[in-house]
Amino acid sequence: MRDPIVESVREARAEHAKKFNYNLHEICEDLRSKQKGCGHEVVSLPPKRITKATGS
């Protein structure tokens, strides 16, 4: 059973990627520019350090 919302999101994502010839750098630049212009506060968090678990 296919979810129509998921299908719609996938279709929109594919159309957006096609506009930029599937160039990930250009896709990200476009999304960042849209993010800056949306008017919402953008929050950037520092990366979390992953620590190795110690085995017993």
Protein backbone atom coordinates (compact mmCIF):
# COMPACT_ATOMS: atom_id res chain seq x y z
CA MET A 1 0.00 0.00 0.00
CA ARG A 2 1.47 3.33 -1.07
CA ASP A 3 1.09 6.45 1.01
CA PRO A 4 -0.01 9.35 -1.24
CA ILE A 5 1.76 11.91 0.96
CA VAL A 6 5.06 10.04 0.77
CA GLU A 7 4.66 9.68 -2.99
CA SER A 8 3.97 13.41 -3.32
CA VAL A 9 7.08 14.31 -1.32
CA ARG A 10 9.22 11.93 -3.38
CA GLU A 11 7.89 13.40 -6.61
CA ALA A 12 8.59 16.97 -5.45
CA ARG A 13 12.10 15.98 -4.35
CA ALA A 14 12.80 14.33 -7.71
CA GLU A 15 11.57 17.38 -9.64
CA HIS A 16 13.74 19.68 -7.52
CA ALA A 17 16.82 17.49 -8.04
CA LYS A 18 16.21 17.35 -11.79
CA LYS A 19 16.24 21.19 -11.97
CA PHE A 20 19.86 21.08 -10.81
CA ASN A 21 20.86 18.08 -12.92
CA TYR A 22 21.10 16.04 -9.69
CA ASN A 23 24.10 18.12 -8.55
CA LEU A 24 24.04 17.80 -4.77
CA HIS A 25 26.08 20.97 -4.19
CA GLU A 26 23.68 23.08 -6.25
CA ILE A 27 20.62 21.47 -4.64
CA CYS A 28 21.96 22.27 -1.16
CA GLU A 29 22.84 25.84 -2.14
CA ASP A 30 19.29 26.35 -3.41
CA LEU A 31 17.79 24.94 -0.22
CA ARG A 32 20.07 27.13 1.93
CA SER A 33 19.04 30.26 0.03
CA LYS A 34 15.36 29.35 0.46
CA GLN A 35 15.98 28.75 4.15
CA LYS A 36 17.58 32.18 4.59
CA GLY A 37 14.70 33.90 2.83
CA CYS A 38 11.87 32.13 4.65
CA GLY A 39 11.84 34.52 7.61
CA HIS A 40 12.21 31.85 10.29
CA GLU A 41 15.11 31.70 12.70
CA VAL A 42 17.72 29.16 11.60
CA VAL A 43 19.43 27.30 14.42
CA SER A 44 22.78 25.55 13.94
CA LEU A 45 23.93 23.17 16.62
CA PRO A 46 27.49 21.94 17.05
CA PRO A 47 28.11 18.31 16.11
CA LYS A 48 27.82 15.78 18.91
CA ARG A 49 30.89 13.75 19.78
CA ILE A 50 30.43 10.02 19.65
CA THR A 51 32.23 8.12 22.36
CA LYS A 52 33.08 4.46 22.14
CA ALA A 53 31.08 2.28 24.45
CA THR A 54 33.22 0.27 26.82
CA GLY A 55 32.38 -3.42 26.84
CA SER A 56 32.22 -5.50 30.01
